[in-house]
Amino acid sequence: MSTVDPPIHHIKEIADSFYMIALPMPFRLGHVNVFLIVHDKEATLFDTGLNIRGTLPELEASLASVGLSIENIGQIFLTHSHADHCGVAGLIKESSDAIIHMSEEGKRHIERMKNGDLIVKRMRDFLCRHGLPEKTLDFIAKMFDRFKDATIPFEVDEVLKPCKTYETCGRTFKAIPTPGHANGHNCFYFGNENILLSGDHVLPDITPNLSPDLFDPEFQPLNAFLSSLDRVKDLPVEMVYPSHGAPFPNLSGRVAEMKEHHRERKGLILDAIRKGRKTTFQISLDIWGGNLSQFDKFLAINETYVHILELLKEGSVREDSNGRHVLYVVA
């Protein structure tokens, strides 16, 4: 797939033979951090970047700077199944025969991604029921079609076991299940170095976007996310290395900020519903306003809906219908 030439990023050593590599992304975030461990010409990679022009050359250049190549990558551990985290795993495996590790839920999502038409249909049906305008629906469908090649198809070799300790390249780490941003997200905790690779679970400046799992109606993204924050907040971490943004030291403080953000957001959404029955999209306009890009409207309706799911579970609101759209009113 074509895109503009990305900026050049660099590799940075964060511990002995442990590296952070920033790879290009054509979105507002601008980059995704992946991580590399090296031991005696053997390498393990944590996440891989998006399949766009520039990702593989930048990864190859970063590996060359420490005397390695793609062929030296023996294992790949993936935080989750979004394209910017696993997009070139298949290409790397073709060159190195690397063993790919991912959660069971992530593996199922990768399998479903092979049927892109079904995913777009489910997404479009969901967004239509919740009031997203047709113009935005068309934009999102076309965007998904353009980015269908953002992940090279691959097979998951080993399913991550919850809280299992893994050993690779002379280091040990624990795979900690942290569903929320994705159903099947994992963080990787290196206890000997007090380092947490937080993926998209804990970010320094923004909260990760939460969205429903359209293939698992029982999944409660917000509840899962908040519970997952509790799972990591008391880890003895000296530095958090996120997938987007700069590393930061105060894990428990950042978790507290994110939990308060979602508490406030849920209250604002309930206040919006108290003003009259509305679709999810109409509620999102009350929270974020109407001056959003088409893509941000998509993010906003997802974020609003996952908070509504919690309000429904608590009994604060209930569903109604106008025959075409789902509406929400106070219970």
C-alpha atoms as a PDB file:
ATOM      1  CA  MET A   1       0.000   0.000   0.000  1.00  0.00           C
ATOM      2  CA  SER A   2       1.269   3.495  -0.761  1.00  0.00           C
ATOM      3  CA  THR A   3       1.750   6.378   1.625  1.00  0.00           C
ATOM      4  CA  VAL A   4       3.994   9.395   2.008  1.00  0.00           C
ATOM      5  CA  ASP A   5       7.648   8.859   2.802  1.00  0.00           C
ATOM      6  CA  PRO A   6       7.838   8.514   6.589  1.00  0.00           C
ATOM      7  CA  PRO A   7      10.248  10.380   8.829  1.00  0.00           C
ATOM      8  CA  ILE A   8      13.428   8.582   9.904  1.00  0.00           C
ATOM      9  CA  HIS A   9      13.473   7.399  13.494  1.00  0.00           C
ATOM     10  CA  HIS A  10      16.258   5.937  15.589  1.00  0.00           C
ATOM     11  CA  ILE A  11      17.028   3.045  17.866  1.00  0.00           C
ATOM     12  CA  LYS A  12      17.656   3.736  21.553  1.00  0.00           C
ATOM     13  CA  GLU A  13      19.146   1.405  24.160  1.00  0.00           C
ATOM     14  CA  ILE A  14      16.959   1.343  27.291  1.00  0.00           C
ATOM     15  CA  ALA A  15      18.926  -1.356  29.164  1.00  0.00           C
ATOM     16  CA  ASP A  16      21.884  -3.578  28.351  1.00  0.00           C
ATOM     17  CA  SER A  17      21.159  -5.066  24.874  1.00  0.00           C
ATOM     18  CA  PHE A  18      17.509  -3.973  25.219  1.00  0.00           C
ATOM     19  CA  TYR A  19      16.337  -1.433  22.626  1.00  0.00           C
ATOM     20  CA  MET A  20      13.366   0.754  21.736  1.00  0.00           C
ATOM     21  CA  ILE A  21      12.788   1.406  18.028  1.00  0.00           C
ATOM     22  CA  ALA A  22      10.309   4.035  16.803  1.00  0.00           C
ATOM     23  CA  LEU A  23       8.703   3.011  13.507  1.00  0.00           C
ATOM     24  CA  PRO A  24       6.610   5.255  11.219  1.00  0.00           C
ATOM     25  CA  MET A  25       2.827   5.550  11.180  1.00  0.00           C
ATOM     26  CA  PRO A  26       0.713   7.722   8.818  1.00  0.00           C
ATOM     27  CA  PHE A  27      -1.649   8.771  11.625  1.00  0.00           C
ATOM     28  CA  ARG A  28      -1.700  11.591  14.154  1.00  0.00           C
ATOM     29  CA  LEU A  29       0.342   9.538  16.632  1.00  0.00           C
ATOM     30  CA  GLY A  30       3.192   9.537  14.102  1.00  0.00           C
ATOM     31  CA  HIS A  31       5.045   6.488  15.347  1.00  0.00           C
ATOM     32  CA  VAL A  32       4.808   3.172  17.137  1.00  0.00           C
ATOM     33  CA  ASN A  33       7.494   1.924  19.517  1.00  0.00           C
ATOM     34  CA  VAL A  34       8.665  -1.666  19.175  1.00  0.00           C
ATOM     35  CA  PHE A  35      11.267  -3.318  21.371  1.00  0.00           C
ATOM     36  CA  LEU A  36      14.258  -5.533  20.730  1.00  0.00           C
ATOM     37  CA  ILE A  37      16.314  -7.820  22.964  1.00  0.00           C
ATOM     38  CA  VAL A  38      19.670  -9.076  21.706  1.00  0.00           C
ATOM     39  CA  HIS A  39      21.833 -11.928  22.964  1.00  0.00           C
ATOM     40  CA  ASP A  40      24.698 -13.583  21.052  1.00  0.00           C
ATOM     41  CA  LYS A  41      23.347 -12.701  17.598  1.00  0.00           C
ATOM     42  CA  GLU A  42      19.869 -13.867  18.568  1.00  0.00           C
ATOM     43  CA  ALA A  43      17.066 -11.312  18.721  1.00  0.00           C
ATOM     44  CA  THR A  44      13.542 -11.179  20.126  1.00  0.00           C
ATOM     45  CA  LEU A  45      11.113  -8.511  18.933  1.00  0.00           C
ATOM     46  CA  PHE A  46       8.131  -7.134  20.839  1.00  0.00           C
ATOM     47  CA  ASP A  47       5.573  -5.846  18.296  1.00  0.00           C
ATOM     48  CA  THR A  48       6.515  -5.155  14.692  1.00  0.00           C
ATOM     49  CA  GLY A  49       5.013  -1.977  13.248  1.00  0.00           C
ATOM     50  CA  LEU A  50       2.545  -1.313  10.456  1.00  0.00           C
ATOM     51  CA  ASN A  51       2.881  -2.716   6.934  1.00  0.00           C
ATOM     52  CA  ILE A  52       3.579   0.548   5.121  1.00  0.00           C
ATOM     53  CA  ARG A  53       6.481   1.710   3.009  1.00  0.00           C
ATOM     54  CA  GLY A  54       9.278   2.646   5.373  1.00  0.00           C
ATOM     55  CA  THR A  55       8.593   0.259   8.234  1.00  0.00           C
ATOM     56  CA  LEU A  56      10.761  -2.639   7.127  1.00  0.00           C
ATOM     57  CA  PRO A  57      13.688  -0.446   5.919  1.00  0.00           C
ATOM     58  CA  GLU A  58      13.684   1.416   9.231  1.00  0.00           C
ATOM     59  CA  LEU A  59      13.567  -1.823  11.200  1.00  0.00           C
ATOM     60  CA  GLU A  60      16.355  -3.281   9.071  1.00  0.00           C
ATOM     61  CA  ALA A  61      18.477  -0.140   9.565  1.00  0.00           C
ATOM     62  CA  SER A  62      17.936  -0.256  13.318  1.00  0.00           C
ATOM     63  CA  LEU A  63      18.898  -3.933  13.440  1.00  0.00           C
ATOM     64  CA  ALA A  64      21.998  -3.270  11.318  1.00  0.00           C
ATOM     65  CA  SER A  65      23.120  -0.576  13.773  1.00  0.00           C
ATOM     66  CA  VAL A  66      23.502  -3.309  16.432  1.00  0.00           C
ATOM     67  CA  GLY A  67      25.043  -5.823  14.030  1.00  0.00           C
ATOM     68  CA  LEU A  68      21.894  -7.804  13.230  1.00  0.00           C
ATOM     69  CA  SER A  69      19.441  -8.431  10.423  1.00  0.00           C
ATOM     70  CA  ILE A  70      15.850  -9.607  10.118  1.00  0.00           C
ATOM     71  CA  GLU A  71      17.164 -13.186   9.885  1.00  0.00           C
ATOM     72  CA  ASN A  72      18.419 -12.934  13.497  1.00  0.00           C
ATOM     73  CA  ILE A  73      14.894 -12.515  14.911  1.00  0.00           C
ATOM     74  CA  GLY A  74      13.983 -15.837  16.485  1.00  0.00           C
ATOM     75  CA  GLN A  75      10.863 -14.865  18.409  1.00  0.00           C
ATOM     76  CA  ILE A  76       8.148 -12.215  18.156  1.00  0.00           C
ATOM     77  CA  PHE A  77       5.875 -11.372  21.086  1.00  0.00           C
ATOM     78  CA  LEU A  78       2.801  -9.300  20.188  1.00  0.00           C
ATOM     79  CA  THR A  79       0.892  -7.112  22.627  1.00  0.00           C
ATOM     80  CA  HIS A  80      -2.282  -7.268  20.517  1.00  0.00           C
ATOM     81  CA  SER A  81      -3.728  -7.704  17.056  1.00  0.00           C
ATOM     82  CA  HIS A  82      -4.011  -4.097  15.801  1.00  0.00           C
ATOM     83  CA  ALA A  83      -2.134  -3.509  12.564  1.00  0.00           C
ATOM     84  CA  ASP A  84       0.450  -1.074  13.941  1.00  0.00           C
ATOM     85  CA  HIS A  85       1.572  -3.785  16.371  1.00  0.00           C
ATOM     86  CA  CYS A  86       1.635  -6.884  14.173  1.00  0.00           C
ATOM     87  CA  GLY A  87       1.501  -5.606  10.598  1.00  0.00           C
ATOM     88  CA  VAL A  88       4.865  -6.966   9.403  1.00  0.00           C
ATOM     89  CA  ALA A  89       5.056 -10.051  11.624  1.00  0.00           C
ATOM     90  CA  GLY A  90       4.295 -12.185   8.571  1.00  0.00           C
ATOM     91  CA  LEU A  91       7.079 -10.596   6.521  1.00  0.00           C
ATOM     92  CA  ILE A  92       9.588 -11.061   9.324  1.00  0.00           C
ATOM     93  CA  LYS A  93       8.593 -14.701   9.706  1.00  0.00           C
ATOM     94  CA  GLU A  94       9.143 -15.289   5.988  1.00  0.00           C
ATOM     95  CA  SER A  95      12.763 -14.181   6.362  1.00  0.00           C
ATOM     96  CA  SER A  96      13.626 -15.535   9.793  1.00  0.00           C
ATOM     97  CA  ASP A  97      11.123 -18.305  10.573  1.00  0.00           C
ATOM     98  CA  ALA A  98      10.520 -16.512  13.875  1.00  0.00           C
ATOM     99  CA  ILE A  99       8.099 -18.038  16.385  1.00  0.00           C
ATOM    100  CA  ILE A 100       5.121 -15.676  16.829  1.00  0.00           C
ATOM    101  CA  HIS A 101       3.451 -15.422  20.250  1.00  0.00           C
ATOM    102  CA  MET A 102       0.036 -13.820  20.810  1.00  0.00           C
ATOM    103  CA  SER A 103      -2.982 -14.195  23.088  1.00  0.00           C
ATOM    104  CA  GLU A 104      -5.790 -16.606  22.243  1.00  0.00           C
ATOM    105  CA  GLU A 105      -8.176 -13.692  21.645  1.00  0.00           C
ATOM    106  CA  GLY A 106      -5.615 -11.992  19.422  1.00  0.00           C
ATOM    107  CA  LYS A 107      -5.148 -15.171  17.434  1.00  0.00           C
ATOM    108  CA  ARG A 108      -8.903 -15.402  16.834  1.00  0.00           C
ATOM    109  CA  HIS A 109      -8.959 -11.776  15.661  1.00  0.00           C
ATOM    110  CA  ILE A 110      -6.122 -12.407  13.205  1.00  0.00           C
ATOM    111  CA  GLU A 111      -8.097 -15.337  11.793  1.00  0.00           C
ATOM    112  CA  ARG A 112     -11.209 -13.167  11.429  1.00  0.00           C
ATOM    113  CA  MET A 113      -9.221 -10.452   9.670  1.00  0.00           C
ATOM    114  CA  LYS A 114      -8.821 -12.815   6.739  1.00  0.00           C
ATOM    115  CA  ASN A 115     -12.522 -12.188   6.029  1.00  0.00           C
ATOM    116  CA  GLY A 116     -12.395  -8.420   5.669  1.00  0.00           C
ATOM    117  CA  ASP A 117     -15.843  -8.168   4.086  1.00  0.00           C
ATOM    118  CA  LEU A 118     -17.480  -9.723   7.155  1.00  0.00           C
ATOM    119  CA  ILE A 119     -15.677  -7.345   9.487  1.00  0.00           C
ATOM    120  CA  VAL A 120     -16.711  -4.286   7.460  1.00  0.00           C
ATOM    121  CA  LYS A 121     -20.320  -5.508   7.325  1.00  0.00           C
ATOM    122  CA  ARG A 122     -20.526  -6.043  11.084  1.00  0.00           C
ATOM    123  CA  MET A 123     -18.892  -2.703  11.744  1.00  0.00           C
ATOM    124  CA  ARG A 124     -21.172  -0.885   9.311  1.00  0.00           C
ATOM    125  CA  ASP A 125     -24.321  -2.530  10.764  1.00  0.00           C
ATOM    126  CA  PHE A 126     -23.253  -1.600  14.294  1.00  0.00           C
ATOM    127  CA  LEU A 127     -22.403   2.009  13.444  1.00  0.00           C
ATOM    128  CA  CYS A 128     -25.615   2.439  11.433  1.00  0.00           C
ATOM    129  CA  ARG A 129     -27.763   1.202  14.342  1.00  0.00           C
ATOM    130  CA  HIS A 130     -26.065   3.713  16.612  1.00  0.00           C
ATOM    131  CA  GLY A 131     -26.644   6.703  14.368  1.00  0.00           C
ATOM    132  CA  LEU A 132     -23.371   7.383  12.581  1.00  0.00           C
ATOM    133  CA  PRO A 133     -24.203   9.416   9.435  1.00  0.00           C
ATOM    134  CA  GLU A 134     -24.016   7.698   6.051  1.00  0.00           C
ATOM    135  CA  LYS A 135     -21.196   9.948   4.865  1.00  0.00           C
ATOM    136  CA  THR A 136     -19.034   8.906   7.794  1.00  0.00           C
ATOM    137  CA  LEU A 137     -20.034   5.254   7.362  1.00  0.00           C
ATOM    138  CA  ASP A 138     -18.817   5.364   3.762  1.00  0.00           C
ATOM    139  CA  PHE A 139     -15.562   7.031   4.788  1.00  0.00           C
ATOM    140  CA  ILE A 140     -14.829   4.427   7.467  1.00  0.00           C
ATOM    141  CA  ALA A 141     -15.663   1.525   5.134  1.00  0.00           C
ATOM    142  CA  LYS A 142     -13.318   2.933   2.474  1.00  0.00           C
ATOM    143  CA  MET A 143     -10.595   3.535   5.072  1.00  0.00           C
ATOM    144  CA  PHE A 144     -10.789  -0.075   6.251  1.00  0.00           C
ATOM    145  CA  ASP A 145     -10.598  -1.221   2.641  1.00  0.00           C
ATOM    146  CA  ARG A 146      -7.507   0.922   2.007  1.00  0.00           C
ATOM    147  CA  PHE A 147      -5.799  -0.497   5.073  1.00  0.00           C
ATOM    148  CA  LYS A 148      -6.730  -4.131   4.535  1.00  0.00           C
ATOM    149  CA  ASP A 149      -3.069  -4.746   3.603  1.00  0.00           C
ATOM    150  CA  ALA A 150      -1.765  -3.029   6.730  1.00  0.00           C
ATOM    151  CA  THR A 151      -1.308  -6.483   8.269  1.00  0.00           C
ATOM    152  CA  ILE A 152       0.450  -9.208   6.313  1.00  0.00           C
ATOM    153  CA  PRO A 153      -1.393 -12.496   7.021  1.00  0.00           C
ATOM    154  CA  PHE A 154       0.409 -14.746   9.467  1.00  0.00           C
ATOM    155  CA  GLU A 155      -0.154 -17.723  11.724  1.00  0.00           C
ATOM    156  CA  VAL A 156       0.279 -17.530  15.501  1.00  0.00           C
ATOM    157  CA  ASP A 157       2.684 -20.279  16.575  1.00  0.00           C
ATOM    158  CA  GLU A 158       2.339 -20.082  20.353  1.00  0.00           C
ATOM    159  CA  VAL A 159      -0.580 -18.774  22.410  1.00  0.00           C
ATOM    160  CA  LEU A 160       0.476 -16.620  25.366  1.00  0.00           C
ATOM    161  CA  LYS A 161      -0.450 -18.113  28.724  1.00  0.00           C
ATOM    162  CA  PRO A 162      -1.862 -15.619  31.243  1.00  0.00           C
ATOM    163  CA  CYS A 163       0.785 -14.425  33.711  1.00  0.00           C
ATOM    164  CA  LYS A 164       3.271 -17.036  32.499  1.00  0.00           C
ATOM    165  CA  THR A 165       6.960 -16.210  32.832  1.00  0.00           C
ATOM    166  CA  TYR A 166       8.852 -16.482  29.546  1.00  0.00           C
ATOM    167  CA  GLU A 167      12.588 -16.673  28.945  1.00  0.00           C
ATOM    168  CA  THR A 168      14.215 -15.298  25.817  1.00  0.00           C
ATOM    169  CA  CYS A 169      17.644 -13.964  24.910  1.00  0.00           C
ATOM    170  CA  GLY A 170      18.914 -14.350  28.470  1.00  0.00           C
ATOM    171  CA  ARG A 171      16.015 -12.439  30.018  1.00  0.00           C
ATOM    172  CA  THR A 172      12.782 -13.361  31.743  1.00  0.00           C
ATOM    173  CA  PHE A 173       9.495 -11.491  31.616  1.00  0.00           C
ATOM    174  CA  LYS A 174       5.856 -12.067  32.456  1.00  0.00           C
ATOM    175  CA  ALA A 175       2.965 -11.771  29.985  1.00  0.00           C
ATOM    176  CA  ILE A 176       0.205  -9.937  31.851  1.00  0.00           C
ATOM    177  CA  PRO A 177      -3.313 -10.015  30.326  1.00  0.00           C
ATOM    178  CA  THR A 178      -4.613  -6.451  30.031  1.00  0.00           C
ATOM    179  CA  PRO A 179      -7.780  -6.525  27.888  1.00  0.00           C
ATOM    180  CA  GLY A 180      -9.603  -3.261  27.237  1.00  0.00           C
ATOM    181  CA  HIS A 181      -8.132  -1.381  24.299  1.00  0.00           C
ATOM    182  CA  ALA A 182      -8.200  -4.780  22.583  1.00  0.00           C
ATOM    183  CA  ASN A 183      -9.769  -8.023  23.693  1.00  0.00           C
ATOM    184  CA  GLY A 184      -6.572 -10.003  24.166  1.00  0.00           C
ATOM    185  CA  HIS A 185      -4.080  -7.225  24.892  1.00  0.00           C
ATOM    186  CA  ASN A 186      -0.972  -8.148  26.934  1.00  0.00           C
ATOM    187  CA  CYS A 187       1.677  -6.097  28.693  1.00  0.00           C
ATOM    188  CA  PHE A 188       5.163  -7.529  29.196  1.00  0.00           C
ATOM    189  CA  TYR A 189       6.786  -7.046  32.612  1.00  0.00           C
ATOM    190  CA  PHE A 190      10.536  -7.460  33.090  1.00  0.00           C
ATOM    191  CA  GLY A 191      10.866  -7.816  36.848  1.00  0.00           C
ATOM    192  CA  ASN A 192      14.662  -7.915  36.987  1.00  0.00           C
ATOM    193  CA  GLU A 193      14.865  -4.497  35.317  1.00  0.00           C
ATOM    194  CA  ASN A 194      11.578  -3.132  36.664  1.00  0.00           C
ATOM    195  CA  ILE A 195      10.498  -2.354  33.090  1.00  0.00           C
ATOM    196  CA  LEU A 196       6.954  -2.574  31.754  1.00  0.00           C
ATOM    197  CA  LEU A 197       6.278  -2.719  28.026  1.00  0.00           C
ATOM    198  CA  SER A 198       2.754  -1.356  28.265  1.00  0.00           C
ATOM    199  CA  GLY A 199       1.659  -1.581  24.622  1.00  0.00           C
ATOM    200  CA  ASP A 200      -1.462   0.535  24.174  1.00  0.00           C
ATOM    201  CA  HIS A 201      -2.717  -0.188  27.697  1.00  0.00           C
ATOM    202  CA  VAL A 202      -1.023   2.673  29.576  1.00  0.00           C
ATOM    203  CA  LEU A 203       0.026   5.679  27.491  1.00  0.00           C
ATOM    204  CA  PRO A 204       1.696   8.836  28.816  1.00  0.00           C
ATOM    205  CA  ASP A 205      -0.473  11.597  27.336  1.00  0.00           C
ATOM    206  CA  ILE A 206      -3.724  10.076  26.081  1.00  0.00           C
ATOM    207  CA  THR A 207      -6.041   7.271  27.080  1.00  0.00           C
ATOM    208  CA  PRO A 208      -6.240   4.421  24.566  1.00  0.00           C
ATOM    209  CA  ASN A 209      -9.389   4.323  22.480  1.00  0.00           C
ATOM    210  CA  LEU A 210     -11.868   1.695  23.653  1.00  0.00           C
ATOM    211  CA  SER A 211     -14.263   0.005  21.251  1.00  0.00           C
ATOM    212  CA  PRO A 212     -16.685  -2.925  21.334  1.00  0.00           C
ATOM    213  CA  ASP A 213     -15.695  -6.388  20.176  1.00  0.00           C
ATOM    214  CA  LEU A 214     -18.324  -6.964  17.486  1.00  0.00           C
ATOM    215  CA  PHE A 215     -17.678 -10.716  17.598  1.00  0.00           C
ATOM    216  CA  ASP A 216     -17.941 -11.019  21.393  1.00  0.00           C
ATOM    217  CA  PRO A 217     -21.017  -9.191  22.752  1.00  0.00           C
ATOM    218  CA  GLU A 218     -20.161 -10.329  26.300  1.00  0.00           C
ATOM    219  CA  PHE A 219     -16.900  -8.361  26.288  1.00  0.00           C
ATOM    220  CA  GLN A 220     -17.180  -5.189  28.378  1.00  0.00           C
ATOM    221  CA  PRO A 221     -14.263  -3.019  27.175  1.00  0.00           C
ATOM    222  CA  LEU A 222     -14.387  -0.324  29.862  1.00  0.00           C
ATOM    223  CA  ASN A 223     -14.821  -2.740  32.756  1.00  0.00           C
ATOM    224  CA  ALA A 224     -12.040  -4.933  31.364  1.00  0.00           C
ATOM    225  CA  PHE A 225      -9.777  -1.913  30.875  1.00  0.00           C
ATOM    226  CA  LEU A 226     -10.242  -0.571  34.402  1.00  0.00           C
ATOM    227  CA  SER A 227      -9.717  -4.025  35.915  1.00  0.00           C
ATOM    228  CA  SER A 228      -6.568  -4.411  33.814  1.00  0.00           C
ATOM    229  CA  LEU A 229      -5.256  -1.094  35.098  1.00  0.00           C
ATOM    230  CA  ASP A 230      -5.616  -2.448  38.631  1.00  0.00           C
ATOM    231  CA  ARG A 231      -3.673  -5.541  37.554  1.00  0.00           C
ATOM    232  CA  VAL A 232      -0.565  -3.509  36.689  1.00  0.00           C
ATOM    233  CA  LYS A 233      -0.722  -0.354  38.815  1.00  0.00           C
ATOM    234  CA  ASP A 234       1.188  -1.729  41.814  1.00  0.00           C
ATOM    235  CA  LEU A 235       3.971  -3.449  39.876  1.00  0.00           C
ATOM    236  CA  PRO A 236       7.408  -2.246  41.092  1.00  0.00           C
ATOM    237  CA  VAL A 237       8.137  -0.460  37.826  1.00  0.00           C
ATOM    238  CA  GLU A 238      10.874   2.114  37.426  1.00  0.00           C
ATOM    239  CA  MET A 239      10.005   2.968  33.824  1.00  0.00           C
ATOM    240  CA  VAL A 240       7.019   2.356  31.574  1.00  0.00           C
ATOM    241  CA  TYR A 241       7.736   1.984  27.862  1.00  0.00           C
ATOM    242  CA  PRO A 242       4.514   2.553  25.884  1.00  0.00           C
ATOM    243  CA  SER A 243       3.814   1.846  22.234  1.00  0.00           C
ATOM    244  CA  HIS A 244       3.070   5.523  21.580  1.00  0.00           C
ATOM    245  CA  GLY A 245       4.730   8.482  23.242  1.00  0.00           C
ATOM    246  CA  ALA A 246       7.733   8.843  25.512  1.00  0.00           C
ATOM    247  CA  PRO A 247       8.698   6.510  28.374  1.00  0.00           C
ATOM    248  CA  PHE A 248       7.542   7.633  31.827  1.00  0.00           C
ATOM    249  CA  PRO A 249       8.243   6.573  35.436  1.00  0.00           C
ATOM    250  CA  ASN A 250       5.059   7.034  37.503  1.00  0.00           C
ATOM    251  CA  LEU A 251       2.882   4.052  36.611  1.00  0.00           C
ATOM    252  CA  SER A 252       0.516   4.250  39.583  1.00  0.00           C
ATOM    253  CA  GLY A 253       0.023   7.984  39.141  1.00  0.00           C
ATOM    254  CA  ARG A 254      -0.773   7.624  35.448  1.00  0.00           C
ATOM    255  CA  VAL A 255      -3.221   4.790  36.185  1.00  0.00           C
ATOM    256  CA  ALA A 256      -5.011   7.005  38.724  1.00  0.00           C
ATOM    257  CA  GLU A 257      -5.324   9.788  36.111  1.00  0.00           C
ATOM    258  CA  MET A 258      -6.767   7.427  33.515  1.00  0.00           C
ATOM    259  CA  LYS A 259      -9.301   5.941  35.923  1.00  0.00           C
ATOM    260  CA  GLU A 260     -10.459   9.422  36.944  1.00  0.00           C
ATOM    261  CA  HIS A 261     -10.763  10.403  33.283  1.00  0.00           C
ATOM    262  CA  HIS A 262     -13.149   7.518  32.607  1.00  0.00           C
ATOM    263  CA  ARG A 263     -15.138   8.204  35.769  1.00  0.00           C
ATOM    264  CA  GLU A 264     -15.685  11.774  34.608  1.00  0.00           C
ATOM    265  CA  ARG A 265     -16.447  10.701  31.039  1.00  0.00           C
ATOM    266  CA  LYS A 266     -19.113   8.241  32.180  1.00  0.00           C
ATOM    267  CA  GLY A 267     -20.738  10.982  34.254  1.00  0.00           C
ATOM    268  CA  LEU A 268     -20.829  13.358  31.289  1.00  0.00           C
ATOM    269  CA  ILE A 269     -22.439  10.692  29.115  1.00  0.00           C
ATOM    270  CA  LEU A 270     -25.101  10.002  31.738  1.00  0.00           C
ATOM    271  CA  ASP A 271     -25.812  13.759  31.959  1.00  0.00           C
ATOM    272  CA  ALA A 272     -26.236  13.878  28.173  1.00  0.00           C
ATOM    273  CA  ILE A 273     -28.741  11.013  28.265  1.00  0.00           C
ATOM    274  CA  ARG A 274     -30.720  12.722  31.034  1.00  0.00           C
ATOM    275  CA  LYS A 275     -31.481  15.551  28.578  1.00  0.00           C
ATOM    276  CA  GLY A 276     -33.532  13.255  26.334  1.00  0.00           C
ATOM    277  CA  ARG A 277     -33.379   9.995  24.429  1.00  0.00           C
ATOM    278  CA  LYS A 278     -30.528   9.955  21.948  1.00  0.00           C
ATOM    279  CA  THR A 279     -28.476   7.708  19.724  1.00  0.00           C
ATOM    280  CA  THR A 280     -24.906   6.922  20.655  1.00  0.00           C
ATOM    281  CA  PHE A 281     -23.721   9.282  17.933  1.00  0.00           C
ATOM    282  CA  GLN A 282     -25.874  12.144  19.252  1.00  0.00           C
ATOM    283  CA  ILE A 283     -24.481  11.560  22.730  1.00  0.00           C
ATOM    284  CA  SER A 284     -20.941  11.641  21.348  1.00  0.00           C
ATOM    285  CA  LEU A 285     -21.651  15.061  19.833  1.00  0.00           C
ATOM    286  CA  ASP A 286     -22.655  16.311  23.280  1.00  0.00           C
ATOM    287  CA  ILE A 287     -19.293  15.184  24.644  1.00  0.00           C
ATOM    288  CA  TRP A 288     -16.875  16.039  21.825  1.00  0.00           C
ATOM    289  CA  GLY A 289     -18.832  18.539  19.720  1.00  0.00           C
ATOM    290  CA  GLY A 290     -19.531  18.300  16.012  1.00  0.00           C
ATOM    291  CA  ASN A 291     -16.248  19.696  14.679  1.00  0.00           C
ATOM    292  CA  LEU A 292     -14.534  16.312  14.386  1.00  0.00           C
ATOM    293  CA  SER A 293     -12.877  14.621  11.451  1.00  0.00           C
ATOM    294  CA  GLN A 294     -14.683  11.634   9.975  1.00  0.00           C
ATOM    295  CA  PHE A 295     -12.225   9.256  11.646  1.00  0.00           C
ATOM    296  CA  ASP A 296     -12.561  11.007  15.009  1.00  0.00           C
ATOM    297  CA  LYS A 297     -16.346  10.646  14.774  1.00  0.00           C
ATOM    298  CA  PHE A 298     -15.756   6.910  14.465  1.00  0.00           C
ATOM    299  CA  LEU A 299     -13.483   6.904  17.520  1.00  0.00           C
ATOM    300  CA  ALA A 300     -15.944   9.039  19.490  1.00  0.00           C
ATOM    301  CA  ILE A 301     -18.967   6.817  18.841  1.00  0.00           C
ATOM    302  CA  ASN A 302     -16.978   3.747  19.932  1.00  0.00           C
ATOM    303  CA  GLU A 303     -15.714   5.454  23.076  1.00  0.00           C
ATOM    304  CA  THR A 304     -19.215   6.655  23.931  1.00  0.00           C
ATOM    305  CA  TYR A 305     -20.727   3.226  23.413  1.00  0.00           C
ATOM    306  CA  VAL A 306     -18.360   1.414  25.765  1.00  0.00           C
ATOM    307  CA  HIS A 307     -19.316   3.836  28.539  1.00  0.00           C
ATOM    308  CA  ILE A 308     -23.003   3.295  27.754  1.00  0.00           C
ATOM    309  CA  LEU A 309     -22.441  -0.449  28.164  1.00  0.00           C
ATOM    310  CA  GLU A 310     -21.334   0.207  31.744  1.00  0.00           C
ATOM    311  CA  LEU A 311     -24.338   2.450  32.405  1.00  0.00           C
ATOM    312  CA  LEU A 312     -26.624  -0.292  31.057  1.00  0.00           C
ATOM    313  CA  LYS A 313     -24.994  -2.872  33.312  1.00  0.00           C
ATOM    314  CA  GLU A 314     -25.398  -0.578  36.317  1.00  0.00           C
ATOM    315  CA  GLY A 315     -29.068   0.003  35.476  1.00  0.00           C
ATOM    316  CA  SER A 316     -28.652   3.775  35.097  1.00  0.00           C
ATOM    317  CA  VAL A 317     -29.926   3.815  31.493  1.00  0.00           C
ATOM    318  CA  ARG A 318     -31.958   1.577  29.234  1.00  0.00           C
ATOM    319  CA  GLU A 319     -32.302   0.980  25.503  1.00  0.00           C
ATOM    320  CA  ASP A 320     -35.144   2.299  23.373  1.00  0.00           C
ATOM    321  CA  SER A 321     -35.676   2.395  19.609  1.00  0.00           C
ATOM    322  CA  ASN A 322     -37.172   4.586  16.910  1.00  0.00           C
ATOM    323  CA  GLY A 323     -37.406   1.623  14.538  1.00  0.00           C
ATOM    324  CA  ARG A 324     -34.084   2.341  12.856  1.00  0.00           C
ATOM    325  CA  HIS A 325     -31.672   3.395  15.583  1.00  0.00           C
ATOM    326  CA  VAL A 326     -30.937   2.301  19.126  1.00  0.00           C
ATOM    327  CA  LEU A 327     -31.711   5.115  21.556  1.00  0.00           C
ATOM    328  CA  TYR A 328     -30.787   5.531  25.209  1.00  0.00           C
ATOM    329  CA  VAL A 329     -32.874   6.978  28.028  1.00  0.00           C
ATOM    330  CA  VAL A 330     -32.458   7.124  31.779  1.00  0.00           C
ATOM    331  CA  ALA A 331     -33.841   4.063  33.545  1.00  0.00           C
END
